[in-house]
């Protein structure tokens, strides 16, 4: 994905106050599982490729059920086109279990194609070791798809100044995502990392954190705000702004670190805060 770059340094603005409510920080987000139902289907061996099959599911619904593995608490329908893009464009191959007629076949999904007009979806699959092939004709097949994640926003701030940075507020991203780790106090020469993640398949992520820069006498020198956004599709964006208290000149600049990776579904945003005036 291309990144929309916004590195802003503002001067003469009032410092943001600390907020009363801060984000709930949770453990790593459990991966989500999908269940796809069909009225009928066929399983065809691919000529010359042992253990490889084409699966055609007919009478499929335009959405599949999605839910988190334990200890997750979120479920939601996922549109079929979005499912296929996420499965085969984000994380690579995924394991699945194909069930029909009281039998199951463990497979790895290699590719998928959806025909909305015919209500069919076709998968190229490889049978897992020990799996036995199902009959050619599949009656009321069900496909259970394992382990697909939401997007992840990883952020790091490096403190190259002589002052301590204290996080004052950060955002709770909402019902379909959460922060999985929070920022911490950064002493001179140190750094802090934080992250947020979508709760279900290909859910976008975003977060923002505000900081106070305080000198050795506990005087507020500047306020820093970092924002990142990874939407579904394309157009990652980020910003880092610095404001000075009561119209004072800002003694710092915030820039994107050369080692930052701002593209893709799981970017690593890295920012550097430097002293610009004595």
C-alpha atoms as a PDB file:
ATOM      1  CA  UNK A   1       0.000   0.000   0.000  1.00  0.00           C
ATOM      2  CA  UNK A   2       1.170   3.502  -0.643  1.00  0.00           C
ATOM      3  CA  UNK A   3       1.620   5.715   2.405  1.00  0.00           C
ATOM      4  CA  UNK A   4       0.082   9.170   2.680  1.00  0.00           C
ATOM      5  CA  UNK A   5       2.757  11.089   4.583  1.00  0.00           C
ATOM      6  CA  UNK A   6       1.980  13.856   7.065  1.00  0.00           C
ATOM      7  CA  UNK A   7       4.796  14.958   9.387  1.00  0.00           C
ATOM      8  CA  UNK A   8       3.598  18.154  11.093  1.00  0.00           C
ATOM      9  CA  UNK A   9       5.443  20.422  13.551  1.00  0.00           C
ATOM     10  CA  UNK A  10       3.132  23.093  15.013  1.00  0.00           C
ATOM     11  CA  UNK A  11       4.315  26.070  17.061  1.00  0.00           C
ATOM     12  CA  UNK A  12       2.624  28.381  19.532  1.00  0.00           C
ATOM     13  CA  UNK A  13      -0.296  26.102  20.372  1.00  0.00           C
ATOM     14  CA  UNK A  14      -1.466  25.240  23.865  1.00  0.00           C
ATOM     15  CA  UNK A  15      -0.423  21.887  25.313  1.00  0.00           C
ATOM     16  CA  UNK A  16      -3.088  19.191  25.458  1.00  0.00           C
ATOM     17  CA  UNK A  17      -4.252  18.293  28.928  1.00  0.00           C
ATOM     18  CA  UNK A  18      -4.308  14.781  30.276  1.00  0.00           C
ATOM     19  CA  UNK A  19      -7.504  12.844  29.662  1.00  0.00           C
ATOM     20  CA  UNK A  20      -9.396  11.049  32.391  1.00  0.00           C
ATOM     21  CA  UNK A  21     -10.062   7.846  30.447  1.00  0.00           C
ATOM     22  CA  UNK A  22      -7.304   5.818  28.857  1.00  0.00           C
ATOM     23  CA  UNK A  23      -7.497   2.828  26.575  1.00  0.00           C
ATOM     24  CA  UNK A  24      -7.958  -0.649  27.955  1.00  0.00           C
ATOM     25  CA  UNK A  25      -4.811  -2.550  27.036  1.00  0.00           C
ATOM     26  CA  UNK A  26      -5.338  -6.235  26.269  1.00  0.00           C
ATOM     27  CA  UNK A  27      -3.236  -9.242  25.401  1.00  0.00           C
ATOM     28  CA  UNK A  28      -2.509 -10.200  21.808  1.00  0.00           C
ATOM     29  CA  UNK A  29      -5.699 -10.380  19.760  1.00  0.00           C
ATOM     30  CA  UNK A  30      -6.776 -13.999  19.100  1.00  0.00           C
ATOM     31  CA  UNK A  31      -6.911 -14.936  15.410  1.00  0.00           C
ATOM     32  CA  UNK A  32     -10.341 -15.258  13.850  1.00  0.00           C
ATOM     33  CA  UNK A  33     -11.883 -18.375  12.336  1.00  0.00           C
ATOM     34  CA  UNK A  34     -14.336 -18.551   9.414  1.00  0.00           C
ATOM     35  CA  UNK A  35     -17.143 -20.987   8.608  1.00  0.00           C
ATOM     36  CA  UNK A  36     -18.473 -21.243   5.036  1.00  0.00           C
ATOM     37  CA  UNK A  37     -21.624 -23.184   4.115  1.00  0.00           C
ATOM     38  CA  UNK A  38     -22.692 -24.439   0.666  1.00  0.00           C
ATOM     39  CA  UNK A  39     -25.596 -26.443  -0.771  1.00  0.00           C
ATOM     40  CA  UNK A  40     -23.414 -28.774  -2.821  1.00  0.00           C
ATOM     41  CA  UNK A  41     -19.939 -29.103  -4.278  1.00  0.00           C
ATOM     42  CA  UNK A  42     -17.398 -31.202  -6.132  1.00  0.00           C
ATOM     43  CA  UNK A  43     -13.837 -32.306  -5.387  1.00  0.00           C
ATOM     44  CA  UNK A  44     -11.628 -32.816  -8.445  1.00  0.00           C
ATOM     45  CA  UNK A  45      -8.020 -34.110  -8.356  1.00  0.00           C
ATOM     46  CA  UNK A  46      -5.593 -31.887 -10.282  1.00  0.00           C
ATOM     47  CA  UNK A  47      -3.876 -33.916 -12.995  1.00  0.00           C
ATOM     48  CA  UNK A  48      -0.168 -34.458 -12.422  1.00  0.00           C
ATOM     49  CA  UNK A  49      -0.189 -32.907  -8.931  1.00  0.00           C
ATOM     50  CA  UNK A  50      -0.512 -35.538  -6.242  1.00  0.00           C
ATOM     51  CA  UNK A  51      -2.588 -34.507  -3.256  1.00  0.00           C
ATOM     52  CA  UNK A  52      -3.818 -31.334  -4.974  1.00  0.00           C
ATOM     53  CA  UNK A  53      -7.520 -30.735  -5.648  1.00  0.00           C
ATOM     54  CA  UNK A  54      -9.935 -28.171  -7.007  1.00  0.00           C
ATOM     55  CA  UNK A  55     -12.936 -27.684  -4.727  1.00  0.00           C
ATOM     56  CA  UNK A  56     -16.033 -25.998  -6.140  1.00  0.00           C
ATOM     57  CA  UNK A  57     -18.703 -25.029  -3.609  1.00  0.00           C
ATOM     58  CA  UNK A  58     -22.134 -24.206  -5.021  1.00  0.00           C
ATOM     59  CA  UNK A  59     -24.991 -22.271  -3.525  1.00  0.00           C
ATOM     60  CA  UNK A  60     -22.709 -20.319  -1.221  1.00  0.00           C
ATOM     61  CA  UNK A  61     -23.859 -17.331   0.763  1.00  0.00           C
ATOM     62  CA  UNK A  62     -22.321 -13.921  -0.032  1.00  0.00           C
ATOM     63  CA  UNK A  63     -20.972 -13.762   3.516  1.00  0.00           C
ATOM     64  CA  UNK A  64     -19.209 -16.178   5.842  1.00  0.00           C
ATOM     65  CA  UNK A  65     -19.367 -16.348   9.635  1.00  0.00           C
ATOM     66  CA  UNK A  66     -16.277 -15.076  11.454  1.00  0.00           C
ATOM     67  CA  UNK A  67     -15.451 -15.405  15.131  1.00  0.00           C
ATOM     68  CA  UNK A  68     -12.404 -15.139  17.389  1.00  0.00           C
ATOM     69  CA  UNK A  69     -10.632 -18.086  18.914  1.00  0.00           C
ATOM     70  CA  UNK A  70     -10.653 -18.297  22.706  1.00  0.00           C
ATOM     71  CA  UNK A  71     -10.446 -16.096  24.665  1.00  0.00           C
ATOM     72  CA  UNK A  72     -11.908 -13.758  22.029  1.00  0.00           C
ATOM     73  CA  UNK A  73     -15.391 -12.299  22.353  1.00  0.00           C
ATOM     74  CA  UNK A  74     -16.108 -10.856  18.882  1.00  0.00           C
ATOM     75  CA  UNK A  75     -17.956 -12.304  15.888  1.00  0.00           C
ATOM     76  CA  UNK A  76     -19.178 -10.729  12.641  1.00  0.00           C
ATOM     77  CA  UNK A  77     -20.066 -11.688   9.049  1.00  0.00           C
ATOM     78  CA  UNK A  78     -17.362 -11.273   6.404  1.00  0.00           C
ATOM     79  CA  UNK A  79     -18.142 -10.625   2.730  1.00  0.00           C
ATOM     80  CA  UNK A  80     -16.775 -13.367   0.456  1.00  0.00           C
ATOM     81  CA  UNK A  81     -14.696 -11.062  -1.790  1.00  0.00           C
ATOM     82  CA  UNK A  82     -13.078  -9.553   1.302  1.00  0.00           C
ATOM     83  CA  UNK A  83     -12.428 -13.033   2.688  1.00  0.00           C
ATOM     84  CA  UNK A  84     -10.579 -14.146  -0.434  1.00  0.00           C
ATOM     85  CA  UNK A  85      -8.489 -10.963  -0.669  1.00  0.00           C
ATOM     86  CA  UNK A  86      -7.515 -11.276   2.985  1.00  0.00           C
ATOM     87  CA  UNK A  87      -6.749 -14.991   2.839  1.00  0.00           C
ATOM     88  CA  UNK A  88      -4.629 -14.965  -0.283  1.00  0.00           C
ATOM     89  CA  UNK A  89      -3.242 -11.443  -0.256  1.00  0.00           C
ATOM     90  CA  UNK A  90      -2.324 -10.858   3.361  1.00  0.00           C
ATOM     91  CA  UNK A  91      -1.115 -13.867   5.335  1.00  0.00           C
ATOM     92  CA  UNK A  92      -0.438 -16.466   2.645  1.00  0.00           C
ATOM     93  CA  UNK A  93      -1.727 -20.042   2.840  1.00  0.00           C
ATOM     94  CA  UNK A  94      -4.304 -21.070   5.452  1.00  0.00           C
ATOM     95  CA  UNK A  95      -5.316 -24.450   6.811  1.00  0.00           C
ATOM     96  CA  UNK A  96      -8.932 -25.551   6.628  1.00  0.00           C
ATOM     97  CA  UNK A  97     -11.185 -28.538   7.184  1.00  0.00           C
ATOM     98  CA  UNK A  98     -13.662 -29.518   4.468  1.00  0.00           C
ATOM     99  CA  UNK A  99     -16.618 -31.473   5.844  1.00  0.00           C
ATOM    100  CA  UNK A 100     -19.307 -33.282   3.836  1.00  0.00           C
ATOM    101  CA  UNK A 101     -21.433 -36.385   4.347  1.00  0.00           C
ATOM    102  CA  UNK A 102     -20.159 -36.986   7.844  1.00  0.00           C
ATOM    103  CA  UNK A 103     -16.479 -37.010   6.764  1.00  0.00           C
ATOM    104  CA  UNK A 104     -13.717 -34.436   7.000  1.00  0.00           C
ATOM    105  CA  UNK A 105     -10.628 -33.646   4.941  1.00  0.00           C
ATOM    106  CA  UNK A 106      -7.844 -31.415   6.277  1.00  0.00           C
ATOM    107  CA  UNK A 107      -6.394 -29.165   3.567  1.00  0.00           C
ATOM    108  CA  UNK A 108      -4.273 -26.113   2.948  1.00  0.00           C
ATOM    109  CA  UNK A 109      -5.942 -23.404   0.853  1.00  0.00           C
ATOM    110  CA  UNK A 110      -3.724 -22.198  -2.016  1.00  0.00           C
ATOM    111  CA  UNK A 111      -6.034 -19.887  -3.985  1.00  0.00           C
ATOM    112  CA  UNK A 112      -9.682 -18.940  -4.257  1.00  0.00           C
ATOM    113  CA  UNK A 113     -12.113 -17.384  -6.730  1.00  0.00           C
ATOM    114  CA  UNK A 114     -15.711 -16.206  -6.175  1.00  0.00           C
ATOM    115  CA  UNK A 115     -18.451 -16.033  -8.834  1.00  0.00           C
ATOM    116  CA  UNK A 116     -21.245 -13.940  -7.335  1.00  0.00           C
ATOM    117  CA  UNK A 117     -23.648 -14.467 -10.262  1.00  0.00           C
ATOM    118  CA  UNK A 118     -23.420 -18.247 -10.013  1.00  0.00           C
ATOM    119  CA  UNK A 119     -23.087 -18.248  -6.201  1.00  0.00           C
ATOM    120  CA  UNK A 120     -20.003 -20.453  -6.405  1.00  0.00           C
ATOM    121  CA  UNK A 121     -16.536 -20.275  -4.902  1.00  0.00           C
ATOM    122  CA  UNK A 122     -13.587 -22.325  -6.177  1.00  0.00           C
ATOM    123  CA  UNK A 123     -10.511 -23.238  -4.139  1.00  0.00           C
ATOM    124  CA  UNK A 124      -7.238 -24.894  -5.100  1.00  0.00           C
ATOM    125  CA  UNK A 125      -6.252 -27.002  -2.073  1.00  0.00           C
ATOM    126  CA  UNK A 126      -3.530 -29.410  -0.991  1.00  0.00           C
ATOM    127  CA  UNK A 127      -4.425 -32.322   1.275  1.00  0.00           C
ATOM    128  CA  UNK A 128      -2.574 -32.333   4.580  1.00  0.00           C
ATOM    129  CA  UNK A 129      -0.477 -35.354   5.574  1.00  0.00           C
ATOM    130  CA  UNK A 130      -2.739 -38.196   6.676  1.00  0.00           C
ATOM    131  CA  UNK A 131      -5.893 -36.645   5.201  1.00  0.00           C
ATOM    132  CA  UNK A 132      -8.156 -38.860   3.105  1.00  0.00           C
ATOM    133  CA  UNK A 133      -9.895 -37.426   0.068  1.00  0.00           C
ATOM    134  CA  UNK A 134     -13.654 -36.942   0.165  1.00  0.00           C
ATOM    135  CA  UNK A 135     -15.941 -38.305  -2.570  1.00  0.00           C
ATOM    136  CA  UNK A 136     -16.235 -36.385  -5.828  1.00  0.00           C
ATOM    137  CA  UNK A 137     -19.746 -35.141  -5.041  1.00  0.00           C
ATOM    138  CA  UNK A 138     -20.057 -33.105  -1.850  1.00  0.00           C
ATOM    139  CA  UNK A 139     -23.437 -32.878  -0.102  1.00  0.00           C
ATOM    140  CA  UNK A 140     -24.043 -29.863   2.176  1.00  0.00           C
ATOM    141  CA  UNK A 141     -20.316 -29.127   2.445  1.00  0.00           C
ATOM    142  CA  UNK A 142     -18.927 -26.878   5.142  1.00  0.00           C
ATOM    143  CA  UNK A 143     -15.473 -25.286   5.083  1.00  0.00           C
ATOM    144  CA  UNK A 144     -13.829 -24.341   8.402  1.00  0.00           C
ATOM    145  CA  UNK A 145     -10.964 -21.882   7.803  1.00  0.00           C
ATOM    146  CA  UNK A 146      -8.287 -21.384  10.432  1.00  0.00           C
ATOM    147  CA  UNK A 147      -6.301 -18.414  11.728  1.00  0.00           C
ATOM    148  CA  UNK A 148      -6.688 -15.113   9.934  1.00  0.00           C
ATOM    149  CA  UNK A 149      -5.836 -11.848  11.652  1.00  0.00           C
ATOM    150  CA  UNK A 150      -6.714  -8.180  11.522  1.00  0.00           C
ATOM    151  CA  UNK A 151      -4.237  -5.473  10.541  1.00  0.00           C
ATOM    152  CA  UNK A 152      -1.633  -4.426  13.107  1.00  0.00           C
ATOM    153  CA  UNK A 153      -0.362  -0.882  13.762  1.00  0.00           C
ATOM    154  CA  UNK A 154       3.065  -1.075  15.407  1.00  0.00           C
ATOM    155  CA  UNK A 155       4.569   2.241  16.536  1.00  0.00           C
ATOM    156  CA  UNK A 156       7.897   3.243  18.126  1.00  0.00           C
ATOM    157  CA  UNK A 157       9.113   6.610  19.380  1.00  0.00           C
ATOM    158  CA  UNK A 158      12.838   7.265  19.902  1.00  0.00           C
ATOM    159  CA  UNK A 159      13.724  10.062  22.324  1.00  0.00           C
ATOM    160  CA  UNK A 160      16.928  11.822  21.204  1.00  0.00           C
ATOM    161  CA  UNK A 161      16.341  14.793  23.508  1.00  0.00           C
ATOM    162  CA  UNK A 162      17.514  15.583  27.033  1.00  0.00           C
ATOM    163  CA  UNK A 163      13.991  15.594  28.486  1.00  0.00           C
ATOM    164  CA  UNK A 164      11.660  12.865  29.685  1.00  0.00           C
ATOM    165  CA  UNK A 165       8.557  12.017  27.629  1.00  0.00           C
ATOM    166  CA  UNK A 166       5.445  10.930  29.531  1.00  0.00           C
ATOM    167  CA  UNK A 167       2.357   9.533  27.765  1.00  0.00           C
ATOM    168  CA  UNK A 168      -0.724  11.482  28.880  1.00  0.00           C
ATOM    169  CA  UNK A 169      -3.486   9.912  26.808  1.00  0.00           C
ATOM    170  CA  UNK A 170      -4.073   7.307  24.148  1.00  0.00           C
ATOM    171  CA  UNK A 171      -7.037   6.179  22.178  1.00  0.00           C
ATOM    172  CA  UNK A 172      -9.313   3.180  22.586  1.00  0.00           C
ATOM    173  CA  UNK A 173      -9.722   2.258  18.892  1.00  0.00           C
ATOM    174  CA  UNK A 174     -13.266   0.914  19.232  1.00  0.00           C
ATOM    175  CA  UNK A 175     -15.307  -2.269  19.093  1.00  0.00           C
ATOM    176  CA  UNK A 176     -13.517  -3.889  16.127  1.00  0.00           C
ATOM    177  CA  UNK A 177      -9.973  -3.244  17.300  1.00  0.00           C
ATOM    178  CA  UNK A 178      -8.008  -2.618  20.467  1.00  0.00           C
ATOM    179  CA  UNK A 179      -4.581  -1.608  21.691  1.00  0.00           C
ATOM    180  CA  UNK A 180      -2.559  -4.713  22.516  1.00  0.00           C
ATOM    181  CA  UNK A 181       0.294  -2.810  24.182  1.00  0.00           C
ATOM    182  CA  UNK A 182       0.545   0.700  25.570  1.00  0.00           C
ATOM    183  CA  UNK A 183       3.217   3.408  25.579  1.00  0.00           C
ATOM    184  CA  UNK A 184       5.512   4.006  28.535  1.00  0.00           C
ATOM    185  CA  UNK A 185       7.638   6.824  29.942  1.00  0.00           C
ATOM    186  CA  UNK A 186      10.704   7.497  27.780  1.00  0.00           C
ATOM    187  CA  UNK A 187      13.852   8.794  29.465  1.00  0.00           C
ATOM    188  CA  UNK A 188      16.489  10.693  27.438  1.00  0.00           C
ATOM    189  CA  UNK A 189      18.045   8.359  24.882  1.00  0.00           C
ATOM    190  CA  UNK A 190      15.327   5.743  25.337  1.00  0.00           C
ATOM    191  CA  UNK A 191      12.308   4.589  23.348  1.00  0.00           C
ATOM    192  CA  UNK A 192       8.801   3.198  23.734  1.00  0.00           C
ATOM    193  CA  UNK A 193       6.668   0.932  21.549  1.00  0.00           C
ATOM    194  CA  UNK A 194       2.911   0.365  21.364  1.00  0.00           C
ATOM    195  CA  UNK A 195       0.474  -1.383  19.040  1.00  0.00           C
ATOM    196  CA  UNK A 196      -3.182  -1.813  18.103  1.00  0.00           C
ATOM    197  CA  UNK A 197      -4.776  -4.602  16.094  1.00  0.00           C
ATOM    198  CA  UNK A 198      -8.035  -5.341  14.299  1.00  0.00           C
ATOM    199  CA  UNK A 199     -10.079  -7.980  16.097  1.00  0.00           C
ATOM    200  CA  UNK A 200     -11.301  -9.908  13.045  1.00  0.00           C
ATOM    201  CA  UNK A 201     -10.216 -10.811   9.535  1.00  0.00           C
ATOM    202  CA  UNK A 202      -8.634  -7.815   7.770  1.00  0.00           C
ATOM    203  CA  UNK A 203     -10.114  -5.313  10.226  1.00  0.00           C
ATOM    204  CA  UNK A 204      -8.196  -2.009   9.978  1.00  0.00           C
ATOM    205  CA  UNK A 205      -6.202  -0.486  12.830  1.00  0.00           C
ATOM    206  CA  UNK A 206      -5.381   3.017  14.039  1.00  0.00           C
ATOM    207  CA  UNK A 207      -4.180   4.691  17.198  1.00  0.00           C
ATOM    208  CA  UNK A 208      -2.909   7.965  18.617  1.00  0.00           C
ATOM    209  CA  UNK A 209      -0.810   8.825  21.656  1.00  0.00           C
ATOM    210  CA  UNK A 210      -0.115  12.224  23.223  1.00  0.00           C
ATOM    211  CA  UNK A 211       3.013  12.940  25.270  1.00  0.00           C
ATOM    212  CA  UNK A 212       4.367  15.670  27.544  1.00  0.00           C
ATOM    213  CA  UNK A 213       8.025  16.631  27.324  1.00  0.00           C
ATOM    214  CA  UNK A 214       9.151  17.779  30.786  1.00  0.00           C
ATOM    215  CA  UNK A 215      12.550  19.231  31.721  1.00  0.00           C
ATOM    216  CA  UNK A 216      14.577  18.496  34.852  1.00  0.00           C
ATOM    217  CA  UNK A 217      12.542  21.026  36.841  1.00  0.00           C
ATOM    218  CA  UNK A 218       9.219  19.378  35.885  1.00  0.00           C
ATOM    219  CA  UNK A 219       8.388  22.240  33.526  1.00  0.00           C
ATOM    220  CA  UNK A 220       6.322  21.409  30.457  1.00  0.00           C
ATOM    221  CA  UNK A 221       8.481  22.057  27.413  1.00  0.00           C
ATOM    222  CA  UNK A 222       6.292  20.659  24.637  1.00  0.00           C
ATOM    223  CA  UNK A 223       3.417  18.320  23.837  1.00  0.00           C
ATOM    224  CA  UNK A 224       3.787  15.610  21.204  1.00  0.00           C
ATOM    225  CA  UNK A 225       0.998  13.851  19.298  1.00  0.00           C
ATOM    226  CA  UNK A 226       1.532  10.752  17.135  1.00  0.00           C
ATOM    227  CA  UNK A 227      -1.264   9.336  14.979  1.00  0.00           C
ATOM    228  CA  UNK A 228      -1.241   6.321  12.624  1.00  0.00           C
ATOM    229  CA  UNK A 229      -3.967   4.806  10.463  1.00  0.00           C
ATOM    230  CA  UNK A 230      -4.026   1.609   8.380  1.00  0.00           C
ATOM    231  CA  UNK A 231      -7.412   1.481   6.620  1.00  0.00           C
ATOM    232  CA  UNK A 232      -8.804  -1.498   4.770  1.00  0.00           C
ATOM    233  CA  UNK A 233      -7.538  -1.399   1.206  1.00  0.00           C
ATOM    234  CA  UNK A 234      -4.843   1.252   0.793  1.00  0.00           C
ATOM    235  CA  UNK A 235      -3.663   4.650   1.920  1.00  0.00           C
ATOM    236  CA  UNK A 236      -1.712   4.225   5.169  1.00  0.00           C
ATOM    237  CA  UNK A 237      -1.219   7.587   6.864  1.00  0.00           C
ATOM    238  CA  UNK A 238       0.650   8.962   9.866  1.00  0.00           C
ATOM    239  CA  UNK A 239       1.528  12.228  11.557  1.00  0.00           C
ATOM    240  CA  UNK A 240       3.758  13.484  14.345  1.00  0.00           C
ATOM    241  CA  UNK A 241       3.129  17.008  15.646  1.00  0.00           C
ATOM    242  CA  UNK A 242       4.878  19.038  18.362  1.00  0.00           C
ATOM    243  CA  UNK A 243       3.310  22.025  20.105  1.00  0.00           C
ATOM    244  CA  UNK A 244       4.805  24.485  22.590  1.00  0.00           C
ATOM    245  CA  UNK A 245       3.081  25.744  25.780  1.00  0.00           C
ATOM    246  CA  UNK A 246       1.590  29.251  25.795  1.00  0.00           C
ATOM    247  CA  UNK A 247       3.024  30.370  22.493  1.00  0.00           C
ATOM    248  CA  UNK A 248       6.599  29.356  23.254  1.00  0.00           C
ATOM    249  CA  UNK A 249       8.942  28.216  20.517  1.00  0.00           C
ATOM    250  CA  UNK A 250       9.061  24.445  20.137  1.00  0.00           C
ATOM    251  CA  UNK A 251      12.586  23.137  20.820  1.00  0.00           C
ATOM    252  CA  UNK A 252      12.034  19.808  19.082  1.00  0.00           C
ATOM    253  CA  UNK A 253      11.348  18.274  15.700  1.00  0.00           C
ATOM    254  CA  UNK A 254       9.644  14.943  15.035  1.00  0.00           C
ATOM    255  CA  UNK A 255      10.617  13.005  11.911  1.00  0.00           C
ATOM    256  CA  UNK A 256      10.012   9.584  10.439  1.00  0.00           C
ATOM    257  CA  UNK A 257      12.959   7.256  11.138  1.00  0.00           C
ATOM    258  CA  UNK A 258      14.770   5.956   7.999  1.00  0.00           C
ATOM    259  CA  UNK A 259      14.168   2.375   9.175  1.00  0.00           C
ATOM    260  CA  UNK A 260      10.383   2.801   9.419  1.00  0.00           C
ATOM    261  CA  UNK A 261       8.156   0.611   7.241  1.00  0.00           C
ATOM    262  CA  UNK A 262       4.901   2.450   6.582  1.00  0.00           C
ATOM    263  CA  UNK A 263       3.428   0.215   3.874  1.00  0.00           C
ATOM    264  CA  UNK A 264       1.325  -2.933   3.889  1.00  0.00           C
ATOM    265  CA  UNK A 265      -1.194  -4.321   6.353  1.00  0.00           C
ATOM    266  CA  UNK A 266       1.191  -4.654   9.321  1.00  0.00           C
ATOM    267  CA  UNK A 267       3.471  -1.604   9.131  1.00  0.00           C
ATOM    268  CA  UNK A 268       6.085  -0.522  11.651  1.00  0.00           C
ATOM    269  CA  UNK A 269       5.913   3.235  12.182  1.00  0.00           C
ATOM    270  CA  UNK A 270       9.081   4.606  13.822  1.00  0.00           C
ATOM    271  CA  UNK A 271       9.486   8.274  14.804  1.00  0.00           C
ATOM    272  CA  UNK A 272      12.502  10.230  16.098  1.00  0.00           C
ATOM    273  CA  UNK A 273      12.266  13.242  18.376  1.00  0.00           C
ATOM    274  CA  UNK A 274      15.333  15.529  18.170  1.00  0.00           C
ATOM    275  CA  UNK A 275      16.333  18.764  19.875  1.00  0.00           C
ATOM    276  CA  UNK A 276      16.407  21.709  17.468  1.00  0.00           C
ATOM    277  CA  UNK A 277      17.275  24.621  19.824  1.00  0.00           C
ATOM    278  CA  UNK A 278      19.203  24.920  23.065  1.00  0.00           C
END
